[in-house]
Amino acid sequence: MSIPTTRIHCLEQIFSPFSGLPADGEDGPNGKDSTLLFVYYGTAGEYAYISKRLQNLVDGNIEDIDIGTLHSVLSVDGGLILEVDTDWNGVNFYGFAPAG
């Protein structure tokens, strides 16, 4: 089963729905949050963060998978991808899954 994607419009900071921790901030993505799978900045067209957990879930190089189809190749129980329209900063993608 593919991981669901939810589209939202948000100009504020994004927080993990599982840990409550910020997904990113002034210093970039929060690699210390075990529920954060990835951060993809749409304007830049690149992954800013890919967790080891996600790397283990994907065959091959995740950066070779189009962000628009990533949800269809991921199967993570309880996982979620947020597609966040940030207006002037474009659309960013955040992947989350329960810890463990």
PDB file of N, CA and C in Angstrom:
ATOM      1  N   MET A   1       0.844  -1.183   0.000  1.00  0.00           N
ATOM      2  CA  MET A   1       0.000   0.000   0.000  1.00  0.00           C
ATOM      3  C   MET A   1       0.884   1.238   0.000  1.00  0.00           C
ATOM      4  N   SER A   2       0.541   2.202  -0.824  1.00  0.00           N
ATOM      5  CA  SER A   2       1.362   3.404  -0.903  1.00  0.00           C
ATOM      6  C   SER A   2       1.078   4.320   0.278  1.00  0.00           C
ATOM      7  N   ILE A   3       2.027   5.180   0.542  1.00  0.00           N
ATOM      8  CA  ILE A   3       1.919   6.128   1.652  1.00  0.00           C
ATOM      9  C   ILE A   3       1.026   7.295   1.212  1.00  0.00           C
ATOM     10  N   PRO A   4       0.064   7.709   2.027  1.00  0.00           N
ATOM     11  CA  PRO A   4      -0.831   8.796   1.624  1.00  0.00           C
ATOM     12  C   PRO A   4      -0.126  10.154   1.597  1.00  0.00           C
ATOM     13  N   THR A   5      -0.591  10.995   0.703  1.00  0.00           N
ATOM     14  CA  THR A   5      -0.092  12.363   0.579  1.00  0.00           C
ATOM     15  C   THR A   5      -1.222  13.326   0.897  1.00  0.00           C
ATOM     16  N   THR A   6      -0.929  14.311   1.722  1.00  0.00           N
ATOM     17  CA  THR A   6      -1.896  15.338   2.069  1.00  0.00           C
ATOM     18  C   THR A   6      -1.356  16.685   1.621  1.00  0.00           C
ATOM     19  N   ARG A   7      -2.171  17.431   0.901  1.00  0.00           N
ATOM     20  CA  ARG A   7      -1.783  18.761   0.425  1.00  0.00           C
ATOM     21  C   ARG A   7      -2.329  19.809   1.378  1.00  0.00           C
ATOM     22  N   ILE A   8      -1.425  20.718   1.772  1.00  0.00           N
ATOM     23  CA  ILE A   8      -1.849  21.814   2.635  1.00  0.00           C
ATOM     24  C   ILE A   8      -1.210  23.114   2.166  1.00  0.00           C
ATOM     25  N   HIS A   9      -1.797  24.227   2.584  1.00  0.00           N
ATOM     26  CA  HIS A   9      -1.225  25.553   2.352  1.00  0.00           C
ATOM     27  C   HIS A   9      -0.796  26.069   3.711  1.00  0.00           C
ATOM     28  N   CYS A  10       0.485  26.352   3.876  1.00  0.00           N
ATOM     29  CA  CYS A  10       0.985  26.765   5.180  1.00  0.00           C
ATOM     30  C   CYS A  10       2.183  27.684   5.020  1.00  0.00           C
ATOM     31  N   LEU A  11       2.136  28.803   5.722  1.00  0.00           N
ATOM     32  CA  LEU A  11       3.249  29.750   5.695  1.00  0.00           C
ATOM     33  C   LEU A  11       4.093  29.653   6.956  1.00  0.00           C
ATOM     34  N   GLU A  12       3.682  28.807   7.880  1.00  0.00           N
ATOM     35  CA  GLU A  12       4.379  28.643   9.162  1.00  0.00           C
ATOM     36  C   GLU A  12       5.276  27.416   9.121  1.00  0.00           C
ATOM     37  N   GLN A  13       5.974  27.191  10.193  1.00  0.00           N
ATOM     38  CA  GLN A  13       6.858  26.042  10.328  1.00  0.00           C
ATOM     39  C   GLN A  13       6.043  24.749  10.353  1.00  0.00           C
ATOM     40  N   ILE A  14       6.602  23.693   9.789  1.00  0.00           N
ATOM     41  CA  ILE A  14       5.953  22.388   9.755  1.00  0.00           C
ATOM     42  C   ILE A  14       6.501  21.533  10.891  1.00  0.00           C
ATOM     43  N   PHE A  15       5.595  20.845  11.583  1.00  0.00           N
ATOM     44  CA  PHE A  15       5.967  19.981  12.704  1.00  0.00           C
ATOM     45  C   PHE A  15       5.556  18.548  12.405  1.00  0.00           C
ATOM     46  N   SER A  16       6.306  17.601  12.928  1.00  0.00           N
ATOM     47  CA  SER A  16       5.967  16.194  12.772  1.00  0.00           C
ATOM     48  C   SER A  16       4.651  15.898  13.489  1.00  0.00           C
ATOM     49  N   PRO A  17       3.729  15.219  12.815  1.00  0.00           N
ATOM     50  CA  PRO A  17       2.478  14.855  13.485  1.00  0.00           C
ATOM     51  C   PRO A  17       2.677  13.735  14.520  1.00  0.00           C
ATOM     52  N   PHE A  18       3.847  13.117  14.527  1.00  0.00           N
ATOM     53  CA  PHE A  18       4.108  12.006  15.439  1.00  0.00           C
ATOM     54  C   PHE A  18       4.918  12.407  16.666  1.00  0.00           C
ATOM     55  N   SER A  19       5.909  13.266  16.465  1.00  0.00           N
ATOM     56  CA  SER A  19       6.770  13.659  17.583  1.00  0.00           C
ATOM     57  C   SER A  19       6.468  15.061  18.093  1.00  0.00           C
ATOM     58  N   GLY A  20       5.857  15.892  17.265  1.00  0.00           N
ATOM     59  CA  GLY A  20       5.623  17.283  17.618  1.00  0.00           C
ATOM     60  C   GLY A  20       6.835  18.169  17.407  1.00  0.00           C
ATOM     61  N   LEU A  21       7.936  17.601  16.930  1.00  0.00           N
ATOM     62  CA  LEU A  21       9.164  18.361  16.692  1.00  0.00           C
ATOM     63  C   LEU A  21       9.098  19.074  15.343  1.00  0.00           C
ATOM     64  N   PRO A  22       9.805  20.208  15.212  1.00  0.00           N
ATOM     65  CA  PRO A  22       9.824  20.900  13.924  1.00  0.00           C
ATOM     66  C   PRO A  22      10.548  20.054  12.873  1.00  0.00           C
ATOM     67  N   ALA A  23      10.014  20.066  11.653  1.00  0.00           N
ATOM     68  CA  ALA A  23      10.637  19.306  10.567  1.00  0.00           C
ATOM     69  C   ALA A  23      11.914  19.981  10.077  1.00  0.00           C
ATOM     70  N   ASP A  24      11.922  21.292  10.122  1.00  0.00           N
ATOM     71  CA  ASP A  24      13.126  22.040   9.758  1.00  0.00           C
ATOM     72  C   ASP A  24      13.064  23.417  10.392  1.00  0.00           C
ATOM     73  N   GLY A  25      14.170  24.123  10.292  1.00  0.00           N
ATOM     74  CA  GLY A  25      14.266  25.445  10.891  1.00  0.00           C
ATOM     75  C   GLY A  25      15.389  26.229  10.253  1.00  0.00           C
ATOM     76  N   GLU A  26      15.912  27.190  10.970  1.00  0.00           N
ATOM     77  CA  GLU A  26      16.981  28.043  10.447  1.00  0.00           C
ATOM     78  C   GLU A  26      18.229  27.253  10.075  1.00  0.00           C
ATOM     79  N   ASP A  27      18.476  26.160  10.793  1.00  0.00           N
ATOM     80  CA  ASP A  27      19.666  25.342  10.528  1.00  0.00           C
ATOM     81  C   ASP A  27      19.406  24.216   9.543  1.00  0.00           C
ATOM     82  N   GLY A  28      18.216  24.183   8.951  1.00  0.00           N
ATOM     83  CA  GLY A  28      17.875  23.147   7.984  1.00  0.00           C
ATOM     84  C   GLY A  28      17.014  22.062   8.601  1.00  0.00           C
ATOM     85  N   PRO A  29      16.877  20.922   7.905  1.00  0.00           N
ATOM     86  CA  PRO A  29      16.038  19.834   8.386  1.00  0.00           C
ATOM     87  C   PRO A  29      16.497  19.275   9.735  1.00  0.00           C
ATOM     88  N   ASN A  30      15.530  18.792  10.500  1.00  0.00           N
ATOM     89  CA  ASN A  30      15.786  18.266  11.841  1.00  0.00           C
ATOM     90  C   ASN A  30      16.127  16.779  11.767  1.00  0.00           C
ATOM     91  N   GLY A  31      17.366  16.459  11.512  1.00  0.00           N
ATOM     92  CA  GLY A  31      17.826  15.079  11.404  1.00  0.00           C
ATOM     93  C   GLY A  31      17.782  14.310  12.712  1.00  0.00           C
ATOM     94  N   LYS A  32      17.514  14.984  13.819  1.00  0.00           N
ATOM     95  CA  LYS A  32      17.432  14.318  15.118  1.00  0.00           C
ATOM     96  C   LYS A  32      16.048  13.727  15.386  1.00  0.00           C
ATOM     97  N   ASP A  33      15.068  14.072  14.576  1.00  0.00           N
ATOM     98  CA  ASP A  33      13.706  13.573  14.757  1.00  0.00           C
ATOM     99  C   ASP A  33      13.579  12.220  14.054  1.00  0.00           C
ATOM    100  N   SER A  34      13.367  11.163  14.815  1.00  0.00           N
ATOM    101  CA  SER A  34      13.288   9.811  14.252  1.00  0.00           C
ATOM    102  C   SER A  34      12.023   9.583  13.431  1.00  0.00           C
ATOM    103  N   THR A  35      11.066  10.510  13.481  1.00  0.00           N
ATOM    104  CA  THR A  35       9.842  10.360  12.694  1.00  0.00           C
ATOM    105  C   THR A  35       9.931  11.050  11.335  1.00  0.00           C
ATOM    106  N   LEU A  36      10.983  11.832  11.107  1.00  0.00           N
ATOM    107  CA  LEU A  36      11.161  12.546   9.832  1.00  0.00           C
ATOM    108  C   LEU A  36      11.865  11.624   8.838  1.00  0.00           C
ATOM    109  N   LEU A  37      11.204  11.339   7.724  1.00  0.00           N
ATOM    110  CA  LEU A  37      11.784  10.489   6.694  1.00  0.00           C
ATOM    111  C   LEU A  37      12.580  11.280   5.664  1.00  0.00           C
ATOM    112  N   PHE A  38      12.013  12.412   5.241  1.00  0.00           N
ATOM    113  CA  PHE A  38      12.714  13.230   4.248  1.00  0.00           C
ATOM    114  C   PHE A  38      12.143  14.640   4.231  1.00  0.00           C
ATOM    115  N   VAL A  39      12.932  15.540   3.661  1.00  0.00           N
ATOM    116  CA  VAL A  39      12.499  16.902   3.347  1.00  0.00           C
ATOM    117  C   VAL A  39      12.947  17.167   1.920  1.00  0.00           C
ATOM    118  N   TYR A  40      12.016  17.612   1.103  1.00  0.00           N
ATOM    119  CA  TYR A  40      12.289  17.929  -0.293  1.00  0.00           C
ATOM    120  C   TYR A  40      11.843  19.361  -0.549  1.00  0.00           C
ATOM    121  N   TYR A  41      12.789  20.205  -0.972  1.00  0.00           N
ATOM    122  CA  TYR A  41      12.474  21.599  -1.272  1.00  0.00           C
ATOM    123  C   TYR A  41      12.177  21.724  -2.764  1.00  0.00           C
ATOM    124  N   GLY A  42      10.916  21.973  -3.089  1.00  0.00           N
ATOM    125  CA  GLY A  42      10.473  22.002  -4.474  1.00  0.00           C
ATOM    126  C   GLY A  42      11.127  23.074  -5.317  1.00  0.00           C
ATOM    127  N   THR A  43      11.319  24.255  -4.748  1.00  0.00           N
ATOM    128  CA  THR A  43      11.932  25.339  -5.518  1.00  0.00           C
ATOM    129  C   THR A  43      13.348  24.962  -5.944  1.00  0.00           C
ATOM    130  N   ALA A  44      14.076  24.324  -5.061  1.00  0.00           N
ATOM    131  CA  ALA A  44      15.439  23.889  -5.375  1.00  0.00           C
ATOM    132  C   ALA A  44      15.439  22.600  -6.196  1.00  0.00           C
ATOM    133  N   GLY A  45      14.337  21.827  -6.101  1.00  0.00           N
ATOM    134  CA  GLY A  45      14.259  20.572  -6.837  1.00  0.00           C
ATOM    135  C   GLY A  45      15.177  19.500  -6.290  1.00  0.00           C
ATOM    136  N   GLU A  46      15.358  19.510  -4.950  1.00  0.00           N
ATOM    137  CA  GLU A  46      16.268  18.522  -4.370  1.00  0.00           C
ATOM    138  C   GLU A  46      15.881  18.160  -2.943  1.00  0.00           C
ATOM    139  N   TYR A  47      16.336  16.993  -2.545  1.00  0.00           N
ATOM    140  CA  TYR A  47      16.129  16.549  -1.171  1.00  0.00           C
ATOM    141  C   TYR A  47      17.112  17.278  -0.267  1.00  0.00           C
ATOM    142  N   ALA A  48      16.603  17.900   0.771  1.00  0.00           N
ATOM    143  CA  ALA A  48      17.462  18.564   1.750  1.00  0.00           C
ATOM    144  C   ALA A  48      17.848  17.583   2.848  1.00  0.00           C
ATOM    145  N   TYR A  49      17.028  16.527   3.015  1.00  0.00           N
ATOM    146  CA  TYR A  49      17.292  15.527   4.048  1.00  0.00           C
ATOM    147  C   TYR A  49      16.664  14.205   3.632  1.00  0.00           C
ATOM    148  N   ILE A  50      17.420  13.128   3.798  1.00  0.00           N
ATOM    149  CA  ILE A  50      16.934  11.769   3.586  1.00  0.00           C
ATOM    150  C   ILE A  50      17.412  10.946   4.768  1.00  0.00           C
ATOM    151  N   SER A  51      16.480  10.391   5.524  1.00  0.00           N
ATOM    152  CA  SER A  51      16.859   9.601   6.701  1.00  0.00           C
ATOM    153  C   SER A  51      17.420   8.242   6.285  1.00  0.00           C
ATOM    154  N   LYS A  52      18.233   7.666   7.140  1.00  0.00           N
ATOM    155  CA  LYS A  52      18.755   6.317   6.901  1.00  0.00           C
ATOM    156  C   LYS A  52      17.605   5.324   6.819  1.00  0.00           C
ATOM    157  N   ARG A  53      16.596   5.546   7.629  1.00  0.00           N
ATOM    158  CA  ARG A  53      15.417   4.680   7.622  1.00  0.00           C
ATOM    159  C   ARG A  53      14.781   4.654   6.234  1.00  0.00           C
ATOM    160  N   LEU A  54      14.640   5.815   5.606  1.00  0.00           N
ATOM    161  CA  LEU A  54      14.049   5.885   4.277  1.00  0.00           C
ATOM    162  C   LEU A  54      14.966   5.233   3.244  1.00  0.00           C
ATOM    163  N   GLN A  55      16.249   5.458   3.357  1.00  0.00           N
ATOM    164  CA  GLN A  55      17.191   4.848   2.428  1.00  0.00           C
ATOM    165  C   GLN A  55      17.066   3.329   2.450  1.00  0.00           C
ATOM    166  N   ASN A  56      16.799   2.760   3.624  1.00  0.00           N
ATOM    167  CA  ASN A  56      16.644   1.320   3.750  1.00  0.00           C
ATOM    168  C   ASN A  56      15.322   0.818   3.180  1.00  0.00           C
ATOM    169  N   LEU A  57      14.330   1.690   3.043  1.00  0.00           N
ATOM    170  CA  LEU A  57      13.022   1.307   2.525  1.00  0.00           C
ATOM    171  C   LEU A  57      12.931   1.350   1.003  1.00  0.00           C
ATOM    172  N   VAL A  58      13.860   2.040   0.367  1.00  0.00           N
ATOM    173  CA  VAL A  58      13.803   2.253  -1.076  1.00  0.00           C
ATOM    174  C   VAL A  58      14.921   1.478  -1.757  1.00  0.00           C
ATOM    175  N   ASP A  59      14.544   0.742  -2.805  1.00  0.00           N
ATOM    176  CA  ASP A  59      15.556   0.072  -3.619  1.00  0.00           C
ATOM    177  C   ASP A  59      16.216   1.101  -4.524  1.00  0.00           C
ATOM    178  N   GLY A  60      17.533   1.163  -4.481  1.00  0.00           N
ATOM    179  CA  GLY A  60      18.252   2.115  -5.310  1.00  0.00           C
ATOM    180  C   GLY A  60      18.397   3.468  -4.637  1.00  0.00           C
ATOM    181  N   ASN A  61      18.657   4.474  -5.438  1.00  0.00           N
ATOM    182  CA  ASN A  61      18.901   5.829  -4.957  1.00  0.00           C
ATOM    183  C   ASN A  61      17.585   6.613  -4.946  1.00  0.00           C
ATOM    184  N   ILE A  62      17.170   7.053  -3.784  1.00  0.00           N
ATOM    185  CA  ILE A  62      15.909   7.789  -3.670  1.00  0.00           C
ATOM    186  C   ILE A  62      15.921   9.057  -4.514  1.00  0.00           C
ATOM    187  N   GLU A  63      17.057   9.643  -4.706  1.00  0.00           N
ATOM    188  CA  GLU A  63      17.120  10.882  -5.477  1.00  0.00           C
ATOM    189  C   GLU A  63      16.790  10.655  -6.952  1.00  0.00           C
ATOM    190  N   ASP A  64      16.765   9.390  -7.385  1.00  0.00           N
ATOM    191  CA  ASP A  64      16.391   9.064  -8.758  1.00  0.00           C
ATOM    192  C   ASP A  64      14.873   8.911  -8.916  1.00  0.00           C
ATOM    193  N   ILE A  65      14.144   8.942  -7.798  1.00  0.00           N
ATOM    194  CA  ILE A  65      12.690   8.790  -7.833  1.00  0.00           C
ATOM    195  C   ILE A  65      12.053  10.176  -7.865  1.00  0.00           C
ATOM    196  N   ASP A  66      11.177  10.400  -8.823  1.00  0.00           N
ATOM    197  CA  ASP A  66      10.480  11.673  -8.941  1.00  0.00           C
ATOM    198  C   ASP A  66       9.633  11.909  -7.697  1.00  0.00           C
ATOM    199  N   ILE A  67       9.691  13.099  -7.136  1.00  0.00           N
ATOM    200  CA  ILE A  67       8.961  13.402  -5.904  1.00  0.00           C
ATOM    201  C   ILE A  67       7.453  13.193  -6.095  1.00  0.00           C
ATOM    202  N   GLY A  68       6.949  13.375  -7.288  1.00  0.00           N
ATOM    203  CA  GLY A  68       5.531  13.193  -7.555  1.00  0.00           C
ATOM    204  C   GLY A  68       5.074  11.740  -7.512  1.00  0.00           C
ATOM    205  N   THR A  69       6.006  10.800  -7.632  1.00  0.00           N
ATOM    206  CA  THR A  69       5.660   9.382  -7.596  1.00  0.00           C
ATOM    207  C   THR A  69       6.240   8.664  -6.379  1.00  0.00           C
ATOM    208  N   LEU A  70       6.948   9.381  -5.547  1.00  0.00           N
ATOM    209  CA  LEU A  70       7.575   8.749  -4.375  1.00  0.00           C
ATOM    210  C   LEU A  70       6.548   8.035  -3.504  1.00  0.00           C
ATOM    211  N   HIS A  71       5.383   8.641  -3.312  1.00  0.00           N
ATOM    212  CA  HIS A  71       4.353   8.032  -2.471  1.00  0.00           C
ATOM    213  C   HIS A  71       3.966   6.628  -2.939  1.00  0.00           C
ATOM    214  N   SER A  72       4.035   6.377  -4.236  1.00  0.00           N
ATOM    215  CA  SER A  72       3.604   5.090  -4.774  1.00  0.00           C
ATOM    216  C   SER A  72       4.625   3.972  -4.563  1.00  0.00           C
ATOM    217  N   VAL A  73       5.865   4.331  -4.267  1.00  0.00           N
ATOM    218  CA  VAL A  73       6.878   3.291  -4.039  1.00  0.00           C
ATOM    219  C   VAL A  73       7.185   3.099  -2.555  1.00  0.00           C
ATOM    220  N   LEU A  74       6.618   3.942  -1.705  1.00  0.00           N
ATOM    221  CA  LEU A  74       6.838   3.825  -0.267  1.00  0.00           C
ATOM    222  C   LEU A  74       5.691   3.075   0.393  1.00  0.00           C
ATOM    223  N   SER A  75       6.040   2.187   1.291  1.00  0.00           N
ATOM    224  CA  SER A  75       5.043   1.491   2.098  1.00  0.00           C
ATOM    225  C   SER A  75       5.528   1.544   3.539  1.00  0.00           C
ATOM    226  N   VAL A  76       4.966   2.473   4.290  1.00  0.00           N
ATOM    227  CA  VAL A  76       5.350   2.673   5.686  1.00  0.00           C
ATOM    228  C   VAL A  76       4.073   2.714   6.515  1.00  0.00           C
ATOM    229  N   ASP A  77       3.919   1.763   7.436  1.00  0.00           N
ATOM    230  CA  ASP A  77       2.717   1.746   8.272  1.00  0.00           C
ATOM    231  C   ASP A  77       2.556   3.069   9.010  1.00  0.00           C
ATOM    232  N   GLY A  78       1.428   3.717   8.806  1.00  0.00           N
ATOM    233  CA  GLY A  78       1.133   4.975   9.493  1.00  0.00           C
ATOM    234  C   GLY A  78       1.843   6.177   8.914  1.00  0.00           C
ATOM    235  N   GLY A  79       2.608   6.005   7.839  1.00  0.00           N
ATOM    236  CA  GLY A  79       3.370   7.101   7.255  1.00  0.00           C
ATOM    237  C   GLY A  79       2.495   8.120   6.548  1.00  0.00           C
ATOM    238  N   LEU A  80       3.079   9.284   6.282  1.00  0.00           N
ATOM    239  CA  LEU A  80       2.363  10.389   5.672  1.00  0.00           C
ATOM    240  C   LEU A  80       3.350  11.300   4.960  1.00  0.00           C
ATOM    241  N   ILE A  81       2.956  11.767   3.798  1.00  0.00           N
ATOM    242  CA  ILE A  81       3.717  12.801   3.092  1.00  0.00           C
ATOM    243  C   ILE A  81       2.875  14.068   3.107  1.00  0.00           C
ATOM    244  N   LEU A  82       3.465  15.164   3.560  1.00  0.00           N
ATOM    245  CA  LEU A  82       2.813  16.474   3.491  1.00  0.00           C
ATOM    246  C   LEU A  82       3.366  17.231   2.292  1.00  0.00           C
ATOM    247  N   GLU A  83       2.490  17.636   1.402  1.00  0.00           N
ATOM    248  CA  GLU A  83       2.848  18.484   0.273  1.00  0.00           C
ATOM    249  C   GLU A  83       2.412  19.887   0.663  1.00  0.00           C
ATOM    250  N   VAL A  84       3.378  20.742   0.944  1.00  0.00           N
ATOM    251  CA  VAL A  84       3.095  22.033   1.560  1.00  0.00           C
ATOM    252  C   VAL A  84       3.328  23.174   0.574  1.00  0.00           C
ATOM    253  N   ASP A  85       2.246  23.858   0.221  1.00  0.00           N
ATOM    254  CA  ASP A  85       2.326  25.048  -0.619  1.00  0.00           C
ATOM    255  C   ASP A  85       2.674  26.214   0.292  1.00  0.00           C
ATOM    256  N   THR A  86       3.844  26.812   0.072  1.00  0.00           N
ATOM    257  CA  THR A  86       4.320  27.891   0.922  1.00  0.00           C
ATOM    258  C   THR A  86       4.257  29.251   0.220  1.00  0.00           C
ATOM    259  N   ASP A  87       3.394  29.352  -0.791  1.00  0.00           N
ATOM    260  CA  ASP A  87       3.251  30.584  -1.586  1.00  0.00           C
ATOM    261  C   ASP A  87       4.542  30.916  -2.320  1.00  0.00           C
ATOM    262  N   TRP A  88       5.169  31.998  -1.947  1.00  0.00           N
ATOM    263  CA  TRP A  88       6.344  32.518  -2.646  1.00  0.00           C
ATOM    264  C   TRP A  88       7.539  31.566  -2.604  1.00  0.00           C
ATOM    265  N   ASN A  89       7.571  30.659  -1.657  1.00  0.00           N
ATOM    266  CA  ASN A  89       8.703  29.737  -1.536  1.00  0.00           C
ATOM    267  C   ASN A  89       8.439  28.409  -2.235  1.00  0.00           C
ATOM    268  N   GLY A  90       7.354  28.281  -2.943  1.00  0.00           N
ATOM    269  CA  GLY A  90       7.067  27.075  -3.704  1.00  0.00           C
ATOM    270  C   GLY A  90       6.413  25.978  -2.883  1.00  0.00           C
ATOM    271  N   VAL A  91       6.531  24.756  -3.372  1.00  0.00           N
ATOM    272  CA  VAL A  91       5.934  23.590  -2.736  1.00  0.00           C
ATOM    273  C   VAL A  91       7.050  22.698  -2.186  1.00  0.00           C
ATOM    274  N   ASN A  92       6.942  22.397  -0.902  1.00  0.00           N
ATOM    275  CA  ASN A  92       7.909  21.521  -0.244  1.00  0.00           C
ATOM    276  C   ASN A  92       7.206  20.244   0.185  1.00  0.00           C
ATOM    277  N   PHE A  93       7.957  19.172   0.315  1.00  0.00           N
ATOM    278  CA  PHE A  93       7.426  17.874   0.702  1.00  0.00           C
ATOM    279  C   PHE A  93       8.142  17.389   1.949  1.00  0.00           C
ATOM    280  N   TYR A  94       7.355  16.855   2.890  1.00  0.00           N
ATOM    281  CA  TYR A  94       7.888  16.325   4.136  1.00  0.00           C
ATOM    282  C   TYR A  94       7.329  14.928   4.332  1.00  0.00           C
ATOM    283  N   GLY A  95       8.182  13.959   4.582  1.00  0.00           N
ATOM    284  CA  GLY A  95       7.726  12.606   4.851  1.00  0.00           C
ATOM    285  C   GLY A  95       7.887  12.279   6.328  1.00  0.00           C
ATOM    286  N   PHE A  96       6.854  11.688   6.919  1.00  0.00           N
ATOM    287  CA  PHE A  96       6.868  11.330   8.339  1.00  0.00           C
ATOM    288  C   PHE A  96       6.345   9.910   8.510  1.00  0.00           C
ATOM    289  N   ALA A  97       6.790   9.263   9.556  1.00  0.00           N
ATOM    290  CA  ALA A  97       6.272   7.951   9.952  1.00  0.00           C
ATOM    291  C   ALA A  97       6.479   7.785  11.429  1.00  0.00           C
ATOM    292  N   PRO A  98       5.617   7.011  12.089  1.00  0.00           N
ATOM    293  CA  PRO A  98       5.812   6.776  13.520  1.00  0.00           C
ATOM    294  C   PRO A  98       7.206   6.190  13.781  1.00  0.00           C
ATOM    295  N   ALA A  99       7.790   6.537  14.895  1.00  0.00           N
ATOM    296  CA  ALA A  99       9.127   6.023  15.241  1.00  0.00           C
ATOM    297  C   ALA A  99       9.071   4.511  15.390  1.00  0.00           C
ATOM    298  N   GLY A 100      10.172   3.859  15.017  1.00  0.00           N
ATOM    299  CA  GLY A 100      10.247   2.407  15.183  1.00  0.00           C
ATOM    300  C   GLY A 100       9.883   1.736  13.952  1.00  0.00           C
TER     301      GLY A 100
END
